[in-house]
Amino acid sequence: MNRLEAMSTLLTAADAGSLSAASRKLGVPLATVSRRVSDLETYLRAKLLIRTSRRLELTEAGRSYIAACREILEQVEYAERLASGEYMTPKGDIVVTAPIVFGRLHVLPVITEFLDAYPDINVRLVQTDRVANFTEDRVDIALRIGPLPDSGLLASRLGEVSRVVCASPDYLARHAPAPERPGDLTHHRCITFNGLFAPDRWTFQDGKKTETARINSRLIVSTAEAAIDAAASGLGITRVLSYQIADAIKDGTLKLILEPYTPDPWPVNIVYASQGLVPLKTRAFIDFATDRLRRRLAMLPNL
């Protein structure tokens, strides 16, 4: 029996809640997972798990052993990283996640510079508007827009962006008068980016008071780029983040509306895990990207 392998399997089963879930997560047959756990229990002469019809229950011995396993496996991982030089020289692979449009417009250019400066580091950029889980998705660094929940992660603030409402000049001319208050949106066609805002209501700031406006979503899309393209074509009014339409506002393709009711801006942060010693490859990227992304955000027009 490979004890480290068995300990890792047991830990995965306990975290996943069942042997079958551990089987799927590890990519090994259910019989293999069951055998590893059984072999470990036989070796220890102790019952670690109680297998119920719905999920696994840990025995008292199982709970204490799982805690020890977690600590041991973390120490083994640290030792392997240390031996490979990950904490001595900046080299290896890192995974960075960013929102789709922000990743394309701002993170990718910084990564290109970073790869030229650090030839021994490879980067995988995952562009998604879903909030990635650092453990499950094996993420090293994340760029996040919006309020951060309380967590064990560390964050450095890069700047802020606003939630803005816009439409093409052609649409506003064909559907005059343009909305002057959030409630006026009821009489207009709207385009909703489903990953960011609700399809039936938008919230605004009227002084210290929050105002909710009902909207009529004629089109619901899954990316901000699609919402912007549809608005630019004259289909209707959309709401996106200020950095996403900076160029369109500058060249006149889109026009801001309802500016006096713009809610408080959202922060932009670079986020990374705080447990243990941060690998040099991760620290190198954070140090390299932070100032550059701050400058890029500071240069955006104040929409």
C-alpha atoms as a PDB file:
ATOM      1  CA  MET A   1       0.000   0.000   0.000  1.00  0.00           C
ATOM      2  CA  ASN A   2       1.219   3.466  -0.948  1.00  0.00           C
ATOM      3  CA  ARG A   3       0.348   5.300   2.268  1.00  0.00           C
ATOM      4  CA  LEU A   4       0.597   8.821   0.840  1.00  0.00           C
ATOM      5  CA  GLU A   5      -1.658   7.821  -2.044  1.00  0.00           C
ATOM      6  CA  ALA A   6      -4.113   6.201   0.368  1.00  0.00           C
ATOM      7  CA  MET A   7      -4.069   9.274   2.637  1.00  0.00           C
ATOM      8  CA  SER A   8      -4.707  11.549  -0.338  1.00  0.00           C
ATOM      9  CA  THR A   9      -7.601   9.353  -1.484  1.00  0.00           C
ATOM     10  CA  LEU A  10      -9.121   9.347   2.003  1.00  0.00           C
ATOM     11  CA  LEU A  11      -8.833  13.133   2.217  1.00  0.00           C
ATOM     12  CA  THR A  12     -10.475  13.565  -1.204  1.00  0.00           C
ATOM     13  CA  ALA A  13     -13.339  11.247  -0.200  1.00  0.00           C
ATOM     14  CA  ALA A  14     -13.897  13.119   3.064  1.00  0.00           C
ATOM     15  CA  ASP A  15     -13.904  16.510   1.306  1.00  0.00           C
ATOM     16  CA  ALA A  16     -16.096  15.284  -1.570  1.00  0.00           C
ATOM     17  CA  GLY A  17     -18.587  13.583   0.761  1.00  0.00           C
ATOM     18  CA  SER A  18     -18.637  10.151  -0.879  1.00  0.00           C
ATOM     19  CA  LEU A  19     -16.404   7.494  -2.392  1.00  0.00           C
ATOM     20  CA  SER A  20     -18.092   7.850  -5.784  1.00  0.00           C
ATOM     21  CA  ALA A  21     -17.480  11.616  -5.806  1.00  0.00           C
ATOM     22  CA  ALA A  22     -13.833  10.978  -4.923  1.00  0.00           C
ATOM     23  CA  SER A  23     -13.658   8.444  -7.748  1.00  0.00           C
ATOM     24  CA  ARG A  24     -14.862  11.042 -10.238  1.00  0.00           C
ATOM     25  CA  LYS A  25     -12.579  13.762  -8.898  1.00  0.00           C
ATOM     26  CA  LEU A  26      -9.475  11.538  -8.909  1.00  0.00           C
ATOM     27  CA  GLY A  27     -10.336   9.859 -12.211  1.00  0.00           C
ATOM     28  CA  VAL A  28      -9.906   6.331 -10.837  1.00  0.00           C
ATOM     29  CA  PRO A  29     -12.425   3.463 -10.513  1.00  0.00           C
ATOM     30  CA  LEU A  30     -14.706   3.429  -7.490  1.00  0.00           C
ATOM     31  CA  ALA A  31     -13.334   0.001  -6.548  1.00  0.00           C
ATOM     32  CA  THR A  32      -9.824   1.471  -6.381  1.00  0.00           C
ATOM     33  CA  VAL A  33     -10.952   4.276  -4.068  1.00  0.00           C
ATOM     34  CA  SER A  34     -12.783   1.821  -1.813  1.00  0.00           C
ATOM     35  CA  ARG A  35      -9.778  -0.532  -1.684  1.00  0.00           C
ATOM     36  CA  ARG A  36      -7.335   2.253  -0.773  1.00  0.00           C
ATOM     37  CA  VAL A  37      -9.534   3.400   2.104  1.00  0.00           C
ATOM     38  CA  SER A  38     -10.105  -0.166   3.310  1.00  0.00           C
ATOM     39  CA  ASP A  39      -6.385  -0.960   3.144  1.00  0.00           C
ATOM     40  CA  LEU A  40      -5.659   2.138   5.200  1.00  0.00           C
ATOM     41  CA  GLU A  41      -8.238   1.180   7.829  1.00  0.00           C
ATOM     42  CA  THR A  42      -6.793  -2.335   7.977  1.00  0.00           C
ATOM     43  CA  TYR A  43      -3.268  -0.973   8.376  1.00  0.00           C
ATOM     44  CA  LEU A  44      -4.368   1.393  11.161  1.00  0.00           C
ATOM     45  CA  ARG A  45      -6.717  -1.160  12.738  1.00  0.00           C
ATOM     46  CA  ALA A  46      -9.263   1.620  13.072  1.00  0.00           C
ATOM     47  CA  LYS A  47     -12.569   2.523  11.463  1.00  0.00           C
ATOM     48  CA  LEU A  48     -12.214   5.891   9.749  1.00  0.00           C
ATOM     49  CA  LEU A  49     -15.429   6.231   7.762  1.00  0.00           C
ATOM     50  CA  ILE A  50     -19.041   5.256   8.241  1.00  0.00           C
ATOM     51  CA  ARG A  51     -20.589   4.661   4.830  1.00  0.00           C
ATOM     52  CA  THR A  52     -24.269   5.714   4.837  1.00  0.00           C
ATOM     53  CA  SER A  53     -26.660   5.661   1.899  1.00  0.00           C
ATOM     54  CA  ARG A  54     -26.381   9.427   1.462  1.00  0.00           C
ATOM     55  CA  ARG A  55     -22.828  10.432   2.349  1.00  0.00           C
ATOM     56  CA  LEU A  56     -19.754   9.554   4.361  1.00  0.00           C
ATOM     57  CA  GLU A  57     -19.552  10.184   8.084  1.00  0.00           C
ATOM     58  CA  LEU A  58     -16.193  10.433   9.849  1.00  0.00           C
ATOM     59  CA  THR A  59     -15.576   8.506  13.047  1.00  0.00           C
ATOM     60  CA  GLU A  60     -13.774  10.248  15.883  1.00  0.00           C
ATOM     61  CA  ALA A  61     -10.579   8.472  14.839  1.00  0.00           C
ATOM     62  CA  GLY A  62     -11.289   9.489  11.252  1.00  0.00           C
ATOM     63  CA  ARG A  63     -11.614  13.171  12.111  1.00  0.00           C
ATOM     64  CA  SER A  64      -8.290  13.309  13.944  1.00  0.00           C
ATOM     65  CA  TYR A  65      -6.553  11.231  11.278  1.00  0.00           C
ATOM     66  CA  ILE A  66      -7.930  13.408   8.446  1.00  0.00           C
ATOM     67  CA  ALA A  67      -6.572  16.539  10.149  1.00  0.00           C
ATOM     68  CA  ALA A  68      -3.140  14.919  10.441  1.00  0.00           C
ATOM     69  CA  CYS A  69      -3.283  13.739   6.804  1.00  0.00           C
ATOM     70  CA  ARG A  70      -4.043  17.227   5.586  1.00  0.00           C
ATOM     71  CA  GLU A  71      -1.046  18.653   7.431  1.00  0.00           C
ATOM     72  CA  ILE A  72       1.282  15.860   6.276  1.00  0.00           C
ATOM     73  CA  LEU A  73       0.271  16.168   2.615  1.00  0.00           C
ATOM     74  CA  GLU A  74       0.722  19.956   2.705  1.00  0.00           C
ATOM     75  CA  GLN A  75       4.216  19.471   4.115  1.00  0.00           C
ATOM     76  CA  VAL A  76       5.044  16.904   1.408  1.00  0.00           C
ATOM     77  CA  GLU A  77       3.834  19.303  -1.300  1.00  0.00           C
ATOM     78  CA  TYR A  78       5.904  22.102   0.194  1.00  0.00           C
ATOM     79  CA  ALA A  79       9.003  19.861   0.338  1.00  0.00           C
ATOM     80  CA  GLU A  80       8.554  18.866  -3.308  1.00  0.00           C
ATOM     81  CA  ARG A  81       8.209  22.477  -4.381  1.00  0.00           C
ATOM     82  CA  LEU A  82      11.242  23.447  -2.358  1.00  0.00           C
ATOM     83  CA  ALA A  83      13.291  20.619  -3.851  1.00  0.00           C
ATOM     84  CA  SER A  84      12.292  21.585  -7.379  1.00  0.00           C
ATOM     85  CA  GLY A  85      13.531  25.137  -6.807  1.00  0.00           C
ATOM     86  CA  GLU A  86      10.095  26.745  -7.000  1.00  0.00           C
ATOM     87  CA  TYR A  87      10.842  28.877  -3.942  1.00  0.00           C
ATOM     88  CA  MET A  88      14.422  29.651  -4.947  1.00  0.00           C
ATOM     89  CA  THR A  89      14.128  30.808  -8.561  1.00  0.00           C
ATOM     90  CA  PRO A  90      11.113  32.152 -10.449  1.00  0.00           C
ATOM     91  CA  LYS A  91      10.264  29.266 -12.772  1.00  0.00           C
ATOM     92  CA  GLY A  92       7.424  26.908 -13.536  1.00  0.00           C
ATOM     93  CA  ASP A  93       3.775  27.259 -14.566  1.00  0.00           C
ATOM     94  CA  ILE A  94       1.145  29.613 -13.150  1.00  0.00           C
ATOM     95  CA  VAL A  95      -2.594  29.876 -13.759  1.00  0.00           C
ATOM     96  CA  VAL A  96      -4.148  33.343 -13.921  1.00  0.00           C
ATOM     97  CA  THR A  97      -7.890  34.002 -14.208  1.00  0.00           C
ATOM     98  CA  ALA A  98      -9.544  37.238 -15.300  1.00  0.00           C
ATOM     99  CA  PRO A  99     -12.941  38.426 -16.557  1.00  0.00           C
ATOM    100  CA  ILE A 100     -13.258  37.886 -20.307  1.00  0.00           C
ATOM    101  CA  VAL A 101     -13.067  41.473 -21.571  1.00  0.00           C
ATOM    102  CA  PHE A 102     -10.690  42.689 -18.861  1.00  0.00           C
ATOM    103  CA  GLY A 103      -8.443  39.742 -19.613  1.00  0.00           C
ATOM    104  CA  ARG A 104      -8.305  40.549 -23.313  1.00  0.00           C
ATOM    105  CA  LEU A 105      -7.912  44.313 -23.014  1.00  0.00           C
ATOM    106  CA  HIS A 106      -5.586  44.614 -20.029  1.00  0.00           C
ATOM    107  CA  VAL A 107      -4.292  41.341 -18.554  1.00  0.00           C
ATOM    108  CA  LEU A 108      -3.116  39.723 -21.780  1.00  0.00           C
ATOM    109  CA  PRO A 109      -0.832  42.647 -22.765  1.00  0.00           C
ATOM    110  CA  VAL A 110       0.758  42.530 -19.299  1.00  0.00           C
ATOM    111  CA  ILE A 111       1.233  38.762 -19.522  1.00  0.00           C
ATOM    112  CA  THR A 112       2.950  39.184 -22.891  1.00  0.00           C
ATOM    113  CA  GLU A 113       5.465  41.576 -21.309  1.00  0.00           C
ATOM    114  CA  PHE A 114       5.879  39.262 -18.318  1.00  0.00           C
ATOM    115  CA  LEU A 115       6.722  36.235 -20.474  1.00  0.00           C
ATOM    116  CA  ASP A 116       9.438  38.229 -22.232  1.00  0.00           C
ATOM    117  CA  ALA A 117      10.914  39.224 -18.861  1.00  0.00           C
ATOM    118  CA  TYR A 118      10.683  35.731 -17.307  1.00  0.00           C
ATOM    119  CA  PRO A 119      11.567  33.055 -19.895  1.00  0.00           C
ATOM    120  CA  ASP A 120      11.427  30.219 -17.317  1.00  0.00           C
ATOM    121  CA  ILE A 121       7.776  30.854 -16.380  1.00  0.00           C
ATOM    122  CA  ASN A 122       4.769  29.723 -18.415  1.00  0.00           C
ATOM    123  CA  VAL A 123       1.303  31.236 -17.930  1.00  0.00           C
ATOM    124  CA  ARG A 124      -2.163  29.814 -18.552  1.00  0.00           C
ATOM    125  CA  LEU A 125      -4.710  32.638 -18.765  1.00  0.00           C
ATOM    126  CA  VAL A 126      -8.267  31.514 -18.063  1.00  0.00           C
ATOM    127  CA  GLN A 127     -10.758  34.154 -19.190  1.00  0.00           C
ATOM    128  CA  THR A 128     -14.089  33.627 -17.466  1.00  0.00           C
ATOM    129  CA  ASP A 129     -16.748  35.797 -15.890  1.00  0.00           C
ATOM    130  CA  ARG A 130     -17.301  33.051 -13.319  1.00  0.00           C
ATOM    131  CA  VAL A 131     -15.496  33.437  -9.987  1.00  0.00           C
ATOM    132  CA  ALA A 132     -12.941  30.610 -10.039  1.00  0.00           C
ATOM    133  CA  ASN A 133     -12.215  28.534  -6.945  1.00  0.00           C
ATOM    134  CA  PHE A 134      -8.510  28.665  -6.102  1.00  0.00           C
ATOM    135  CA  THR A 135      -8.362  25.053  -4.880  1.00  0.00           C
ATOM    136  CA  GLU A 136     -10.742  23.257  -7.230  1.00  0.00           C
ATOM    137  CA  ASP A 137      -9.628  25.160 -10.356  1.00  0.00           C
ATOM    138  CA  ARG A 138      -5.931  25.134  -9.337  1.00  0.00           C
ATOM    139  CA  VAL A 139      -5.644  28.898  -9.672  1.00  0.00           C
ATOM    140  CA  ASP A 140      -2.551  30.831  -8.586  1.00  0.00           C
ATOM    141  CA  ILE A 141      -3.677  34.409  -9.229  1.00  0.00           C
ATOM    142  CA  ALA A 142      -7.044  35.995 -10.016  1.00  0.00           C
ATOM    143  CA  LEU A 143      -8.066  39.427 -11.270  1.00  0.00           C
ATOM    144  CA  ARG A 144     -11.452  40.208  -9.763  1.00  0.00           C
ATOM    145  CA  ILE A 145     -13.893  43.064 -10.259  1.00  0.00           C
ATOM    146  CA  GLY A 146     -16.400  43.861  -7.516  1.00  0.00           C
ATOM    147  CA  PRO A 147     -16.568  43.594  -3.726  1.00  0.00           C
ATOM    148  CA  LEU A 148     -14.490  40.743  -2.321  1.00  0.00           C
ATOM    149  CA  PRO A 149     -16.007  38.311   0.181  1.00  0.00           C
ATOM    150  CA  ASP A 150     -14.195  37.583   3.420  1.00  0.00           C
ATOM    151  CA  SER A 151     -11.711  34.789   2.783  1.00  0.00           C
ATOM    152  CA  GLY A 152      -8.178  33.647   3.469  1.00  0.00           C
ATOM    153  CA  LEU A 153      -7.010  35.224   0.209  1.00  0.00           C
ATOM    154  CA  LEU A 154      -4.739  38.249  -0.072  1.00  0.00           C
ATOM    155  CA  ALA A 155      -5.655  41.131  -2.371  1.00  0.00           C
ATOM    156  CA  SER A 156      -4.015  44.264  -3.741  1.00  0.00           C
ATOM    157  CA  ARG A 157      -6.277  46.986  -5.081  1.00  0.00           C
ATOM    158  CA  LEU A 158      -5.535  48.070  -8.641  1.00  0.00           C
ATOM    159  CA  GLY A 159      -8.233  50.669  -9.237  1.00  0.00           C
ATOM    160  CA  GLU A 160     -11.965  50.863  -9.801  1.00  0.00           C
ATOM    161  CA  VAL A 161     -14.552  50.752 -12.576  1.00  0.00           C
ATOM    162  CA  SER A 162     -18.116  51.997 -12.832  1.00  0.00           C
ATOM    163  CA  ARG A 163     -21.386  50.386 -13.925  1.00  0.00           C
ATOM    164  CA  VAL A 164     -22.588  52.557 -16.784  1.00  0.00           C
ATOM    165  CA  VAL A 165     -25.646  52.666 -19.054  1.00  0.00           C
ATOM    166  CA  CYS A 166     -25.247  53.448 -22.729  1.00  0.00           C
ATOM    167  CA  ALA A 167     -26.838  53.279 -26.171  1.00  0.00           C
ATOM    168  CA  SER A 168     -25.952  54.229 -29.709  1.00  0.00           C
ATOM    169  CA  PRO A 169     -26.739  57.772 -30.914  1.00  0.00           C
ATOM    170  CA  ASP A 170     -28.910  56.185 -33.605  1.00  0.00           C
ATOM    171  CA  TYR A 171     -31.060  54.343 -31.054  1.00  0.00           C
ATOM    172  CA  LEU A 172     -31.446  57.449 -28.900  1.00  0.00           C
ATOM    173  CA  ALA A 173     -32.502  59.485 -31.952  1.00  0.00           C
ATOM    174  CA  ARG A 174     -35.088  56.883 -33.023  1.00  0.00           C
ATOM    175  CA  HIS A 175     -36.500  56.445 -29.509  1.00  0.00           C
ATOM    176  CA  ALA A 176     -36.489  60.020 -28.227  1.00  0.00           C
ATOM    177  CA  PRO A 177     -36.641  61.270 -25.611  1.00  0.00           C
ATOM    178  CA  ALA A 178     -33.639  59.596 -24.036  1.00  0.00           C
ATOM    179  CA  PRO A 179     -34.129  58.312 -20.485  1.00  0.00           C
ATOM    180  CA  GLU A 180     -33.577  61.066 -17.928  1.00  0.00           C
ATOM    181  CA  ARG A 181     -34.378  59.014 -14.826  1.00  0.00           C
ATOM    182  CA  PRO A 182     -33.974  55.259 -14.151  1.00  0.00           C
ATOM    183  CA  GLY A 183     -37.766  54.812 -14.237  1.00  0.00           C
ATOM    184  CA  ASP A 184     -37.800  55.941 -17.883  1.00  0.00           C
ATOM    185  CA  LEU A 185     -36.086  52.669 -18.858  1.00  0.00           C
ATOM    186  CA  THR A 186     -39.457  50.927 -18.636  1.00  0.00           C
ATOM    187  CA  HIS A 187     -40.347  52.439 -22.025  1.00  0.00           C
ATOM    188  CA  HIS A 188     -37.139  51.370 -23.766  1.00  0.00           C
ATOM    189  CA  ARG A 189     -35.561  48.254 -25.203  1.00  0.00           C
ATOM    190  CA  CYS A 190     -32.741  46.871 -23.060  1.00  0.00           C
ATOM    191  CA  ILE A 191     -29.899  44.434 -23.669  1.00  0.00           C
ATOM    192  CA  THR A 192     -28.778  42.476 -20.625  1.00  0.00           C
ATOM    193  CA  PHE A 193     -25.439  40.859 -19.945  1.00  0.00           C
ATOM    194  CA  ASN A 194     -26.752  37.945 -17.891  1.00  0.00           C
ATOM    195  CA  GLY A 195     -23.466  37.258 -16.125  1.00  0.00           C
ATOM    196  CA  LEU A 196     -23.356  40.691 -14.504  1.00  0.00           C
ATOM    197  CA  PHE A 197     -26.831  42.202 -14.122  1.00  0.00           C
ATOM    198  CA  ALA A 198     -30.359  40.902 -13.587  1.00  0.00           C
ATOM    199  CA  PRO A 199     -32.473  40.675 -16.770  1.00  0.00           C
ATOM    200  CA  ASP A 200     -35.527  42.409 -15.262  1.00  0.00           C
ATOM    201  CA  ARG A 201     -34.173  45.220 -13.050  1.00  0.00           C
ATOM    202  CA  TRP A 202     -31.188  47.508 -12.657  1.00  0.00           C
ATOM    203  CA  THR A 203     -30.227  49.421  -9.512  1.00  0.00           C
ATOM    204  CA  PHE A 204     -29.035  53.012  -9.448  1.00  0.00           C
ATOM    205  CA  GLN A 205     -27.812  55.566  -6.910  1.00  0.00           C
ATOM    206  CA  ASP A 206     -29.887  58.672  -6.328  1.00  0.00           C
ATOM    207  CA  GLY A 207     -27.801  60.559  -3.775  1.00  0.00           C
ATOM    208  CA  LYS A 208     -27.694  58.274  -0.747  1.00  0.00           C
ATOM    209  CA  LYS A 209     -30.776  56.354  -1.880  1.00  0.00           C
ATOM    210  CA  THR A 210     -30.723  53.201  -4.002  1.00  0.00           C
ATOM    211  CA  GLU A 211     -33.313  53.149  -6.772  1.00  0.00           C
ATOM    212  CA  THR A 212     -34.404  50.011  -8.639  1.00  0.00           C
ATOM    213  CA  ALA A 213     -35.722  50.347 -12.186  1.00  0.00           C
ATOM    214  CA  ARG A 214     -37.737  47.714 -14.021  1.00  0.00           C
ATOM    215  CA  ILE A 215     -36.386  46.994 -17.484  1.00  0.00           C
ATOM    216  CA  ASN A 216     -37.590  45.183 -20.583  1.00  0.00           C
ATOM    217  CA  SER A 217     -34.803  42.881 -21.803  1.00  0.00           C
ATOM    218  CA  ARG A 218     -35.379  42.379 -25.516  1.00  0.00           C
ATOM    219  CA  LEU A 219     -32.067  40.541 -25.678  1.00  0.00           C
ATOM    220  CA  ILE A 220     -30.158  38.620 -23.003  1.00  0.00           C
ATOM    221  CA  VAL A 221     -26.574  37.621 -23.821  1.00  0.00           C
ATOM    222  CA  SER A 222     -23.848  35.769 -21.950  1.00  0.00           C
ATOM    223  CA  THR A 223     -20.899  38.090 -22.612  1.00  0.00           C
ATOM    224  CA  ALA A 224     -20.349  41.811 -22.268  1.00  0.00           C
ATOM    225  CA  GLU A 225     -18.880  41.970 -25.771  1.00  0.00           C
ATOM    226  CA  ALA A 226     -22.142  40.703 -27.273  1.00  0.00           C
ATOM    227  CA  ALA A 227     -24.146  43.261 -25.283  1.00  0.00           C
ATOM    228  CA  ILE A 228     -21.869  46.064 -26.463  1.00  0.00           C
ATOM    229  CA  ASP A 229     -22.053  44.951 -30.101  1.00  0.00           C
ATOM    230  CA  ALA A 230     -25.851  44.756 -29.942  1.00  0.00           C
ATOM    231  CA  ALA A 231     -26.088  48.230 -28.405  1.00  0.00           C
ATOM    232  CA  ALA A 232     -23.694  49.656 -30.990  1.00  0.00           C
ATOM    233  CA  SER A 233     -25.924  48.230 -33.747  1.00  0.00           C
ATOM    234  CA  GLY A 234     -28.831  50.296 -32.414  1.00  0.00           C
ATOM    235  CA  LEU A 235     -30.862  47.471 -30.874  1.00  0.00           C
ATOM    236  CA  GLY A 236     -31.264  49.064 -27.459  1.00  0.00           C
ATOM    237  CA  ILE A 237     -29.787  50.234 -24.165  1.00  0.00           C
ATOM    238  CA  THR A 238     -27.254  48.163 -22.262  1.00  0.00           C
ATOM    239  CA  ARG A 239     -25.398  48.296 -18.974  1.00  0.00           C
ATOM    240  CA  VAL A 240     -21.753  47.237 -18.744  1.00  0.00           C
ATOM    241  CA  LEU A 241     -18.556  48.239 -16.945  1.00  0.00           C
ATOM    242  CA  SER A 242     -16.857  51.493 -17.860  1.00  0.00           C
ATOM    243  CA  TYR A 243     -13.576  49.989 -19.083  1.00  0.00           C
ATOM    244  CA  GLN A 244     -15.491  47.760 -21.519  1.00  0.00           C
ATOM    245  CA  ILE A 245     -16.824  50.690 -23.576  1.00  0.00           C
ATOM    246  CA  ALA A 246     -14.055  53.274 -23.159  1.00  0.00           C
ATOM    247  CA  ASP A 247     -13.090  53.061 -26.848  1.00  0.00           C
ATOM    248  CA  ALA A 248     -16.721  53.054 -28.041  1.00  0.00           C
ATOM    249  CA  ILE A 249     -17.465  56.215 -26.031  1.00  0.00           C
ATOM    250  CA  LYS A 250     -14.313  57.876 -27.333  1.00  0.00           C
ATOM    251  CA  ASP A 251     -15.126  57.216 -30.992  1.00  0.00           C
ATOM    252  CA  GLY A 252     -18.823  58.070 -30.607  1.00  0.00           C
ATOM    253  CA  THR A 253     -20.203  54.586 -31.277  1.00  0.00           C
ATOM    254  CA  LEU A 254     -21.972  54.630 -27.907  1.00  0.00           C
ATOM    255  CA  LYS A 255     -23.218  57.427 -25.682  1.00  0.00           C
ATOM    256  CA  LEU A 256     -23.573  57.417 -21.892  1.00  0.00           C
ATOM    257  CA  ILE A 257     -26.981  58.046 -20.352  1.00  0.00           C
ATOM    258  CA  LEU A 258     -28.293  58.333 -16.773  1.00  0.00           C
ATOM    259  CA  GLU A 259     -24.845  59.460 -15.594  1.00  0.00           C
ATOM    260  CA  PRO A 260     -26.171  61.280 -12.466  1.00  0.00           C
ATOM    261  CA  TYR A 261     -27.483  57.933 -11.192  1.00  0.00           C
ATOM    262  CA  THR A 262     -24.285  55.921 -11.572  1.00  0.00           C
ATOM    263  CA  PRO A 263     -23.785  53.647  -8.522  1.00  0.00           C
ATOM    264  CA  ASP A 264     -20.608  53.673  -6.466  1.00  0.00           C
ATOM    265  CA  PRO A 265     -17.682  52.182  -8.433  1.00  0.00           C
ATOM    266  CA  TRP A 266     -16.519  48.607  -8.030  1.00  0.00           C
ATOM    267  CA  PRO A 267     -12.929  47.830  -6.962  1.00  0.00           C
ATOM    268  CA  VAL A 268     -10.513  45.902  -9.155  1.00  0.00           C
ATOM    269  CA  ASN A 269      -8.138  43.605  -7.242  1.00  0.00           C
ATOM    270  CA  ILE A 270      -5.360  41.135  -7.899  1.00  0.00           C
ATOM    271  CA  VAL A 271      -5.952  38.194  -5.572  1.00  0.00           C
ATOM    272  CA  TYR A 272      -3.799  35.243  -4.511  1.00  0.00           C
ATOM    273  CA  ALA A 273      -3.668  32.567  -1.822  1.00  0.00           C
ATOM    274  CA  SER A 274      -2.004  33.426   1.460  1.00  0.00           C
ATOM    275  CA  GLN A 275      -1.329  29.956   2.873  1.00  0.00           C
ATOM    276  CA  GLY A 276       2.327  29.132   3.340  1.00  0.00           C
ATOM    277  CA  LEU A 277       5.262  30.579   1.462  1.00  0.00           C
ATOM    278  CA  VAL A 278       4.318  32.246  -1.833  1.00  0.00           C
ATOM    279  CA  PRO A 279       6.324  30.695  -4.728  1.00  0.00           C
ATOM    280  CA  LEU A 280       8.724  33.066  -6.441  1.00  0.00           C
ATOM    281  CA  LYS A 281       6.937  32.565  -9.786  1.00  0.00           C
ATOM    282  CA  THR A 282       3.697  33.822  -8.197  1.00  0.00           C
ATOM    283  CA  ARG A 283       5.387  36.688  -6.401  1.00  0.00           C
ATOM    284  CA  ALA A 284       7.205  37.648  -9.617  1.00  0.00           C
ATOM    285  CA  PHE A 285       3.923  37.928 -11.520  1.00  0.00           C
ATOM    286  CA  ILE A 286       2.165  39.862  -8.753  1.00  0.00           C
ATOM    287  CA  ASP A 287       5.013  42.362  -8.475  1.00  0.00           C
ATOM    288  CA  PHE A 288       5.283  42.704 -12.267  1.00  0.00           C
ATOM    289  CA  ALA A 289       1.552  42.995 -12.994  1.00  0.00           C
ATOM    290  CA  THR A 290       0.347  45.154 -10.105  1.00  0.00           C
ATOM    291  CA  ASP A 291       1.950  48.463 -11.078  1.00  0.00           C
ATOM    292  CA  ARG A 292       1.276  47.935 -14.788  1.00  0.00           C
ATOM    293  CA  LEU A 293      -2.402  47.166 -14.269  1.00  0.00           C
ATOM    294  CA  ARG A 294      -2.754  50.137 -11.923  1.00  0.00           C
ATOM    295  CA  ARG A 295      -1.329  52.404 -14.613  1.00  0.00           C
ATOM    296  CA  ARG A 296      -3.626  50.958 -17.277  1.00  0.00           C
ATOM    297  CA  LEU A 297      -6.710  51.506 -15.112  1.00  0.00           C
ATOM    298  CA  ALA A 298      -5.584  55.017 -14.156  1.00  0.00           C
ATOM    299  CA  MET A 299      -5.279  55.922 -17.847  1.00  0.00           C
ATOM    300  CA  LEU A 300      -8.889  54.951 -18.622  1.00  0.00           C
ATOM    301  CA  PRO A 301     -11.289  57.867 -19.156  1.00  0.00           C
ATOM    302  CA  ASN A 302     -13.383  58.723 -16.105  1.00  0.00           C
ATOM    303  CA  LEU A 303     -16.781  57.590 -17.402  1.00  0.00           C
END
